[in-house]
Amino acid sequence: MPFHRIRMLDSTGFKTPTDDPETGYQGCAQSSLKIQVEYEMKQGQFLHLDIQNGKEHDTTYAATLLHTVQPEDLLLRDLG
């Protein structure tokens, strides 16, 4: 196979049960959080798992991982 690693990055978001800013997680209209997961398919292992504010954009998170990209990596990312 021409790729050393096949890396898939995606996220899912959850609304928290309160609008209380003390939870530490902020969303657009209600408090929420987002879980970011990156999985490497060839070796079957998770590379990154992070929790962040629900209002943070996926593209911003992906940019924080650029230093981990190696030659011959295939990146599959849903940056919506």
PDB file of N, CA and C in Angstrom:
ATOM      1  N   MET A   1       0.852  -1.182   0.000  1.00  0.00           N
ATOM      2  CA  MET A   1       0.000   0.000   0.000  1.00  0.00           C
ATOM      3  C   MET A   1       0.892   1.237   0.000  1.00  0.00           C
ATOM      4  N   PRO A   2       0.521   2.255  -0.761  1.00  0.00           N
ATOM      5  CA  PRO A   2       1.397   3.418  -0.901  1.00  0.00           C
ATOM      6  C   PRO A   2       1.422   4.349   0.313  1.00  0.00           C
ATOM      7  N   PHE A   3       0.566   4.138   1.297  1.00  0.00           N
ATOM      8  CA  PHE A   3       0.513   5.027   2.455  1.00  0.00           C
ATOM      9  C   PHE A   3       1.070   4.334   3.684  1.00  0.00           C
ATOM     10  N   HIS A   4       1.874   5.062   4.439  1.00  0.00           N
ATOM     11  CA  HIS A   4       2.428   4.545   5.685  1.00  0.00           C
ATOM     12  C   HIS A   4       1.337   4.443   6.747  1.00  0.00           C
ATOM     13  N   ARG A   5       0.535   5.499   6.870  1.00  0.00           N
ATOM     14  CA  ARG A   5      -0.580   5.515   7.825  1.00  0.00           C
ATOM     15  C   ARG A   5      -1.816   6.094   7.149  1.00  0.00           C
ATOM     16  N   ILE A   6      -2.986   5.627   7.564  1.00  0.00           N
ATOM     17  CA  ILE A   6      -4.264   6.188   7.138  1.00  0.00           C
ATOM     18  C   ILE A   6      -4.920   6.749   8.389  1.00  0.00           C
ATOM     19  N   ARG A   7      -4.958   8.069   8.471  1.00  0.00           N
ATOM     20  CA  ARG A   7      -5.423   8.761   9.676  1.00  0.00           C
ATOM     21  C   ARG A   7      -6.793   9.378   9.433  1.00  0.00           C
ATOM     22  N   MET A   8      -7.748   9.012  10.273  1.00  0.00           N
ATOM     23  CA  MET A   8      -9.107   9.548  10.180  1.00  0.00           C
ATOM     24  C   MET A   8      -9.380  10.415  11.399  1.00  0.00           C
ATOM     25  N   LEU A   9      -9.811  11.665  11.155  1.00  0.00           N
ATOM     26  CA  LEU A   9     -10.136  12.603  12.224  1.00  0.00           C
ATOM     27  C   LEU A   9     -11.582  13.035  12.079  1.00  0.00           C
ATOM     28  N   ASP A  10     -12.331  12.940  13.169  1.00  0.00           N
ATOM     29  CA  ASP A  10     -13.717  13.413  13.171  1.00  0.00           C
ATOM     30  C   ASP A  10     -14.085  13.807  14.584  1.00  0.00           C
ATOM     31  N   SER A  11     -15.233  14.467  14.707  1.00  0.00           N
ATOM     32  CA  SER A  11     -15.689  14.897  16.026  1.00  0.00           C
ATOM     33  C   SER A  11     -17.182  14.667  16.158  1.00  0.00           C
ATOM     34  N   THR A  12     -17.634  14.706  17.392  1.00  0.00           N
ATOM     35  CA  THR A  12     -19.056  14.710  17.686  1.00  0.00           C
ATOM     36  C   THR A  12     -19.291  15.660  18.843  1.00  0.00           C
ATOM     37  N   GLY A  13     -20.441  16.286  18.852  1.00  0.00           N
ATOM     38  CA  GLY A  13     -20.729  17.271  19.886  1.00  0.00           C
ATOM     39  C   GLY A  13     -21.906  16.850  20.750  1.00  0.00           C
ATOM     40  N   PHE A  14     -21.912  17.344  21.984  1.00  0.00           N
ATOM     41  CA  PHE A  14     -22.974  17.062  22.942  1.00  0.00           C
ATOM     42  C   PHE A  14     -23.351  18.344  23.656  1.00  0.00           C
ATOM     43  N   LYS A  15     -24.630  18.556  23.840  1.00  0.00           N
ATOM     44  CA  LYS A  15     -25.085  19.664  24.678  1.00  0.00           C
ATOM     45  C   LYS A  15     -25.032  19.213  26.134  1.00  0.00           C
ATOM     46  N   THR A  16     -24.564  20.099  26.991  1.00  0.00           N
ATOM     47  CA  THR A  16     -24.537  19.783  28.419  1.00  0.00           C
ATOM     48  C   THR A  16     -25.899  20.126  29.014  1.00  0.00           C
ATOM     49  N   PRO A  17     -26.248  19.528  30.129  1.00  0.00           N
ATOM     50  CA  PRO A  17     -27.597  19.719  30.663  1.00  0.00           C
ATOM     51  C   PRO A  17     -27.847  21.081  31.296  1.00  0.00           C
ATOM     52  N   THR A  18     -26.905  21.985  31.236  1.00  0.00           N
ATOM     53  CA  THR A  18     -27.087  23.293  31.858  1.00  0.00           C
ATOM     54  C   THR A  18     -26.449  24.378  31.015  1.00  0.00           C
ATOM     55  N   ASP A  19     -26.933  25.582  31.150  1.00  0.00           N
ATOM     56  CA  ASP A  19     -26.308  26.732  30.492  1.00  0.00           C
ATOM     57  C   ASP A  19     -25.291  27.400  31.404  1.00  0.00           C
ATOM     58  N   ASP A  20     -25.002  26.787  32.524  1.00  0.00           N
ATOM     59  CA  ASP A  20     -24.100  27.354  33.521  1.00  0.00           C
ATOM     60  C   ASP A  20     -22.676  27.413  32.978  1.00  0.00           C
ATOM     61  N   PRO A  21     -22.100  28.601  32.831  1.00  0.00           N
ATOM     62  CA  PRO A  21     -20.732  28.713  32.314  1.00  0.00           C
ATOM     63  C   PRO A  21     -19.688  28.096  33.235  1.00  0.00           C
ATOM     64  N   GLU A  22     -20.064  27.771  34.455  1.00  0.00           N
ATOM     65  CA  GLU A  22     -19.126  27.135  35.387  1.00  0.00           C
ATOM     66  C   GLU A  22     -18.718  25.741  34.921  1.00  0.00           C
ATOM     67  N   THR A  23     -19.481  25.137  34.002  1.00  0.00           N
ATOM     68  CA  THR A  23     -19.109  23.816  33.489  1.00  0.00           C
ATOM     69  C   THR A  23     -17.810  23.886  32.708  1.00  0.00           C
ATOM     70  N   GLY A  24     -17.477  25.078  32.200  1.00  0.00           N
ATOM     71  CA  GLY A  24     -16.239  25.236  31.437  1.00  0.00           C
ATOM     72  C   GLY A  24     -16.398  24.982  29.954  1.00  0.00           C
ATOM     73  N   TYR A  25     -17.547  24.481  29.518  1.00  0.00           N
ATOM     74  CA  TYR A  25     -17.766  24.199  28.102  1.00  0.00           C
ATOM     75  C   TYR A  25     -18.784  25.171  27.552  1.00  0.00           C
ATOM     76  N   GLN A  26     -18.411  25.851  26.478  1.00  0.00           N
ATOM     77  CA  GLN A  26     -19.276  26.864  25.890  1.00  0.00           C
ATOM     78  C   GLN A  26     -19.705  26.441  24.501  1.00  0.00           C
ATOM     79  N   GLY A  27     -20.946  26.715  24.194  1.00  0.00           N
ATOM     80  CA  GLY A  27     -21.472  26.465  22.860  1.00  0.00           C
ATOM     81  C   GLY A  27     -21.985  27.759  22.270  1.00  0.00           C
ATOM     82  N   CYS A  28     -22.618  27.674  21.109  1.00  0.00           N
ATOM     83  CA  CYS A  28     -23.147  28.880  20.472  1.00  0.00           C
ATOM     84  C   CYS A  28     -24.389  29.389  21.188  1.00  0.00           C
ATOM     85  N   ALA A  29     -25.339  28.490  21.488  1.00  0.00           N
ATOM     86  CA  ALA A  29     -26.570  28.911  22.149  1.00  0.00           C
ATOM     87  C   ALA A  29     -26.717  28.286  23.527  1.00  0.00           C
ATOM     88  N   GLN A  30     -26.071  27.173  23.744  1.00  0.00           N
ATOM     89  CA  GLN A  30     -26.159  26.442  25.006  1.00  0.00           C
ATOM     90  C   GLN A  30     -24.787  25.831  25.283  1.00  0.00           C
ATOM     91  N   SER A  31     -24.505  25.583  26.546  1.00  0.00           N
ATOM     92  CA  SER A  31     -23.237  24.938  26.879  1.00  0.00           C
ATOM     93  C   SER A  31     -23.147  23.590  26.161  1.00  0.00           C
ATOM     94  N   SER A  32     -22.002  23.322  25.575  1.00  0.00           N
ATOM     95  CA  SER A  32     -21.813  22.057  24.874  1.00  0.00           C
ATOM     96  C   SER A  32     -20.329  21.713  24.837  1.00  0.00           C
ATOM     97  N   LEU A  33     -20.055  20.458  24.529  1.00  0.00           N
ATOM     98  CA  LEU A  33     -18.674  20.021  24.387  1.00  0.00           C
ATOM     99  C   LEU A  33     -18.538  19.216  23.113  1.00  0.00           C
ATOM    100  N   LYS A  34     -17.311  19.098  22.658  1.00  0.00           N
ATOM    101  CA  LYS A  34     -17.007  18.375  21.433  1.00  0.00           C
ATOM    102  C   LYS A  34     -15.885  17.395  21.729  1.00  0.00           C
ATOM    103  N   ILE A  35     -16.034  16.178  21.232  1.00  0.00           N
ATOM    104  CA  ILE A  35     -14.989  15.161  21.364  1.00  0.00           C
ATOM    105  C   ILE A  35     -14.333  14.996  20.000  1.00  0.00           C
ATOM    106  N   GLN A  36     -13.028  15.197  19.945  1.00  0.00           N
ATOM    107  CA  GLN A  36     -12.233  15.033  18.731  1.00  0.00           C
ATOM    108  C   GLN A  36     -11.485  13.701  18.828  1.00  0.00           C
ATOM    109  N   VAL A  37     -11.600  12.879  17.785  1.00  0.00           N
ATOM    110  CA  VAL A  37     -10.945  11.570  17.771  1.00  0.00           C
ATOM    111  C   VAL A  37     -10.195  11.397  16.462  1.00  0.00           C
ATOM    112  N   GLU A  38      -8.935  10.976  16.570  1.00  0.00           N
ATOM    113  CA  GLU A  38      -8.169  10.600  15.374  1.00  0.00           C
ATOM    114  C   GLU A  38      -7.760   9.141  15.518  1.00  0.00           C
ATOM    115  N   TYR A  39      -8.069   8.364  14.479  1.00  0.00           N
ATOM    116  CA  TYR A  39      -7.828   6.917  14.480  1.00  0.00           C
ATOM    117  C   TYR A  39      -6.931   6.566  13.305  1.00  0.00           C
ATOM    118  N   GLU A  40      -5.972   5.697  13.530  1.00  0.00           N
ATOM    119  CA  GLU A  40      -5.071   5.235  12.472  1.00  0.00           C
ATOM    120  C   GLU A  40      -5.535   3.838  12.061  1.00  0.00           C
ATOM    121  N   MET A  41      -5.976   3.722  10.800  1.00  0.00           N
ATOM    122  CA  MET A  41      -6.646   2.498  10.346  1.00  0.00           C
ATOM    123  C   MET A  41      -5.721   1.309  10.124  1.00  0.00           C
ATOM    124  N   LYS A  42      -4.522   1.509   9.644  1.00  0.00           N
ATOM    125  CA  LYS A  42      -3.655   0.371   9.320  1.00  0.00           C
ATOM    126  C   LYS A  42      -3.192  -0.377  10.565  1.00  0.00           C
ATOM    127  N   GLN A  43      -2.868   0.353  11.621  1.00  0.00           N
ATOM    128  CA  GLN A  43      -2.411  -0.289  12.855  1.00  0.00           C
ATOM    129  C   GLN A  43      -3.548  -0.479  13.853  1.00  0.00           C
ATOM    130  N   GLY A  44      -4.702   0.148  13.584  1.00  0.00           N
ATOM    131  CA  GLY A  44      -5.865  -0.014  14.446  1.00  0.00           C
ATOM    132  C   GLY A  44      -5.691   0.609  15.818  1.00  0.00           C
ATOM    133  N   GLN A  45      -5.193   1.843  15.832  1.00  0.00           N
ATOM    134  CA  GLN A  45      -4.995   2.488  17.131  1.00  0.00           C
ATOM    135  C   GLN A  45      -5.450   3.947  17.098  1.00  0.00           C
ATOM    136  N   PHE A  46      -5.864   4.433  18.270  1.00  0.00           N
ATOM    137  CA  PHE A  46      -6.253   5.823  18.403  1.00  0.00           C
ATOM    138  C   PHE A  46      -4.998   6.671  18.579  1.00  0.00           C
ATOM    139  N   LEU A  47      -4.912   7.755  17.824  1.00  0.00           N
ATOM    140  CA  LEU A  47      -3.769   8.662  17.911  1.00  0.00           C
ATOM    141  C   LEU A  47      -4.056   9.841  18.835  1.00  0.00           C
ATOM    142  N   HIS A  48      -5.274  10.361  18.771  1.00  0.00           N
ATOM    143  CA  HIS A  48      -5.634  11.526  19.575  1.00  0.00           C
ATOM    144  C   HIS A  48      -7.079  11.422  20.028  1.00  0.00           C
ATOM    145  N   LEU A  49      -7.322  11.852  21.255  1.00  0.00           N
ATOM    146  CA  LEU A  49      -8.666  11.945  21.816  1.00  0.00           C
ATOM    147  C   LEU A  49      -8.679  13.172  22.710  1.00  0.00           C
ATOM    148  N   ASP A  50      -9.475  14.174  22.329  1.00  0.00           N
ATOM    149  CA  ASP A  50      -9.515  15.420  23.087  1.00  0.00           C
ATOM    150  C   ASP A  50     -10.951  15.887  23.258  1.00  0.00           C
ATOM    151  N   ILE A  51     -11.194  16.578  24.357  1.00  0.00           N
ATOM    152  CA  ILE A  51     -12.487  17.195  24.629  1.00  0.00           C
ATOM    153  C   ILE A  51     -12.278  18.703  24.635  1.00  0.00           C
ATOM    154  N   GLN A  52     -13.179  19.425  23.958  1.00  0.00           N
ATOM    155  CA  GLN A  52     -13.047  20.867  23.861  1.00  0.00           C
ATOM    156  C   GLN A  52     -14.430  21.515  23.885  1.00  0.00           C
ATOM    157  N   ASN A  53     -14.450  22.842  23.942  1.00  0.00           N
ATOM    158  CA  ASN A  53     -15.706  23.577  23.889  1.00  0.00           C
ATOM    159  C   ASN A  53     -16.446  23.262  22.600  1.00  0.00           C
ATOM    160  N   GLY A  54     -17.769  23.199  22.693  1.00  0.00           N
ATOM    161  CA  GLY A  54     -18.589  22.892  21.531  1.00  0.00           C
ATOM    162  C   GLY A  54     -18.519  23.929  20.436  1.00  0.00           C
ATOM    163  N   LYS A  55     -18.151  25.156  20.763  1.00  0.00           N
ATOM    164  CA  LYS A  55     -18.103  26.203  19.743  1.00  0.00           C
ATOM    165  C   LYS A  55     -16.787  26.227  18.970  1.00  0.00           C
ATOM    166  N   GLU A  56     -15.805  25.424  19.388  1.00  0.00           N
ATOM    167  CA  GLU A  56     -14.528  25.373  18.662  1.00  0.00           C
ATOM    168  C   GLU A  56     -14.723  24.695  17.311  1.00  0.00           C
ATOM    169  N   HIS A  57     -14.063  25.214  16.279  1.00  0.00           N
ATOM    170  CA  HIS A  57     -14.209  24.690  14.930  1.00  0.00           C
ATOM    171  C   HIS A  57     -13.260  23.516  14.699  1.00  0.00           C
ATOM    172  N   ASP A  58     -13.717  22.528  13.922  1.00  0.00           N
ATOM    173  CA  ASP A  58     -12.899  21.348  13.633  1.00  0.00           C
ATOM    174  C   ASP A  58     -11.596  21.700  12.915  1.00  0.00           C
ATOM    175  N   THR A  59     -11.624  22.690  12.051  1.00  0.00           N
ATOM    176  CA  THR A  59     -10.420  23.087  11.320  1.00  0.00           C
ATOM    177  C   THR A  59      -9.343  23.586  12.271  1.00  0.00           C
ATOM    178  N   THR A  60      -9.743  24.291  13.305  1.00  0.00           N
ATOM    179  CA  THR A  60      -8.787  24.795  14.294  1.00  0.00           C
ATOM    180  C   THR A  60      -8.096  23.640  14.993  1.00  0.00           C
ATOM    181  N   TYR A  61      -8.867  22.624  15.360  1.00  0.00           N
ATOM    182  CA  TYR A  61      -8.266  21.465  16.030  1.00  0.00           C
ATOM    183  C   TYR A  61      -7.315  20.725  15.079  1.00  0.00           C
ATOM    184  N   ALA A  62      -7.732  20.528  13.845  1.00  0.00           N
ATOM    185  CA  ALA A  62      -6.885  19.819  12.874  1.00  0.00           C
ATOM    186  C   ALA A  62      -5.540  20.516  12.704  1.00  0.00           C
ATOM    187  N   ALA A  63      -5.547  21.842  12.740  1.00  0.00           N
ATOM    188  CA  ALA A  63      -4.296  22.598  12.584  1.00  0.00           C
ATOM    189  C   ALA A  63      -3.328  22.314  13.728  1.00  0.00           C
ATOM    190  N   THR A  64      -3.840  21.997  14.915  1.00  0.00           N
ATOM    191  CA  THR A  64      -2.949  21.706  16.040  1.00  0.00           C
ATOM    192  C   THR A  64      -2.221  20.375  15.867  1.00  0.00           C
ATOM    193  N   LEU A  65      -2.671  19.556  14.928  1.00  0.00           N
ATOM    194  CA  LEU A  65      -2.050  18.240  14.707  1.00  0.00           C
ATOM    195  C   LEU A  65      -1.071  18.228  13.539  1.00  0.00           C
ATOM    196  N   LEU A  66      -0.891  19.359  12.876  1.00  0.00           N
ATOM    197  CA  LEU A  66      -0.021  19.377  11.694  1.00  0.00           C
ATOM    198  C   LEU A  66       1.395  18.906  11.996  1.00  0.00           C
ATOM    199  N   HIS A  67       1.895  19.191  13.177  1.00  0.00           N
ATOM    200  CA  HIS A  67       3.269  18.780  13.517  1.00  0.00           C
ATOM    201  C   HIS A  67       3.405  17.254  13.643  1.00  0.00           C
ATOM    202  N   THR A  68       2.303  16.512  13.690  1.00  0.00           N
ATOM    203  CA  THR A  68       2.355  15.057  13.819  1.00  0.00           C
ATOM    204  C   THR A  68       2.297  14.339  12.473  1.00  0.00           C
ATOM    205  N   VAL A  69       2.079  15.084  11.385  1.00  0.00           N
ATOM    206  CA  VAL A  69       1.970  14.487  10.056  1.00  0.00           C
ATOM    207  C   VAL A  69       3.353  14.076   9.563  1.00  0.00           C
ATOM    208  N   GLN A  70       3.418  12.851   9.045  1.00  0.00           N
ATOM    209  CA  GLN A  70       4.669  12.308   8.526  1.00  0.00           C
ATOM    210  C   GLN A  70       4.537  12.064   7.026  1.00  0.00           C
ATOM    211  N   PRO A  71       5.669  11.963   6.310  1.00  0.00           N
ATOM    212  CA  PRO A  71       5.598  11.629   4.884  1.00  0.00           C
ATOM    213  C   PRO A  71       4.837  10.310   4.678  1.00  0.00           C
ATOM    214  N   GLU A  72       4.068  10.255   3.616  1.00  0.00           N
ATOM    215  CA  GLU A  72       3.266   9.089   3.238  1.00  0.00           C
ATOM    216  C   GLU A  72       2.074   8.839   4.153  1.00  0.00           C
ATOM    217  N   ASP A  73       1.652   9.837   4.941  1.00  0.00           N
ATOM    218  CA  ASP A  73       0.403   9.751   5.690  1.00  0.00           C
ATOM    219  C   ASP A  73      -0.752  10.157   4.772  1.00  0.00           C
ATOM    220  N   LEU A  74      -1.854   9.435   4.850  1.00  0.00           N
ATOM    221  CA  LEU A  74      -3.089   9.843   4.193  1.00  0.00           C
ATOM    222  C   LEU A  74      -4.003  10.371   5.271  1.00  0.00           C
ATOM    223  N   LEU A  75      -4.451  11.626   5.131  1.00  0.00           N
ATOM    224  CA  LEU A  75      -5.308  12.258   6.109  1.00  0.00           C
ATOM    225  C   LEU A  75      -6.744  12.310   5.591  1.00  0.00           C
ATOM    226  N   LEU A  76      -7.663  11.750   6.345  1.00  0.00           N
ATOM    227  CA  LEU A  76      -9.080  11.814   6.050  1.00  0.00           C
ATOM    228  C   LEU A  76      -9.740  12.574   7.177  1.00  0.00           C
ATOM    229  N   ARG A  77     -10.262  13.764   6.863  1.00  0.00           N
ATOM    230  CA  ARG A  77     -10.779  14.631   7.915  1.00  0.00           C
ATOM    231  C   ARG A  77     -12.096  15.255   7.501  1.00  0.00           C
ATOM    232  N   ASP A  78     -13.031  15.248   8.435  1.00  0.00           N
ATOM    233  CA  ASP A  78     -14.301  15.939   8.259  1.00  0.00           C
ATOM    234  C   ASP A  78     -14.151  17.259   9.008  1.00  0.00           C
ATOM    235  N   LEU A  79     -13.964  18.337   8.282  1.00  0.00           N
ATOM    236  CA  LEU A  79     -13.686  19.617   8.911  1.00  0.00           C
ATOM    237  C   LEU A  79     -14.915  20.528   8.907  1.00  0.00           C
ATOM    238  N   GLY A  80     -16.095  19.949   8.856  1.00  0.00           N
ATOM    239  CA  GLY A  80     -17.340  20.708   8.834  1.00  0.00           C
ATOM    240  C   GLY A  80     -17.601  21.297  10.126  1.00  0.00           C
TER     241      GLY A  80
END
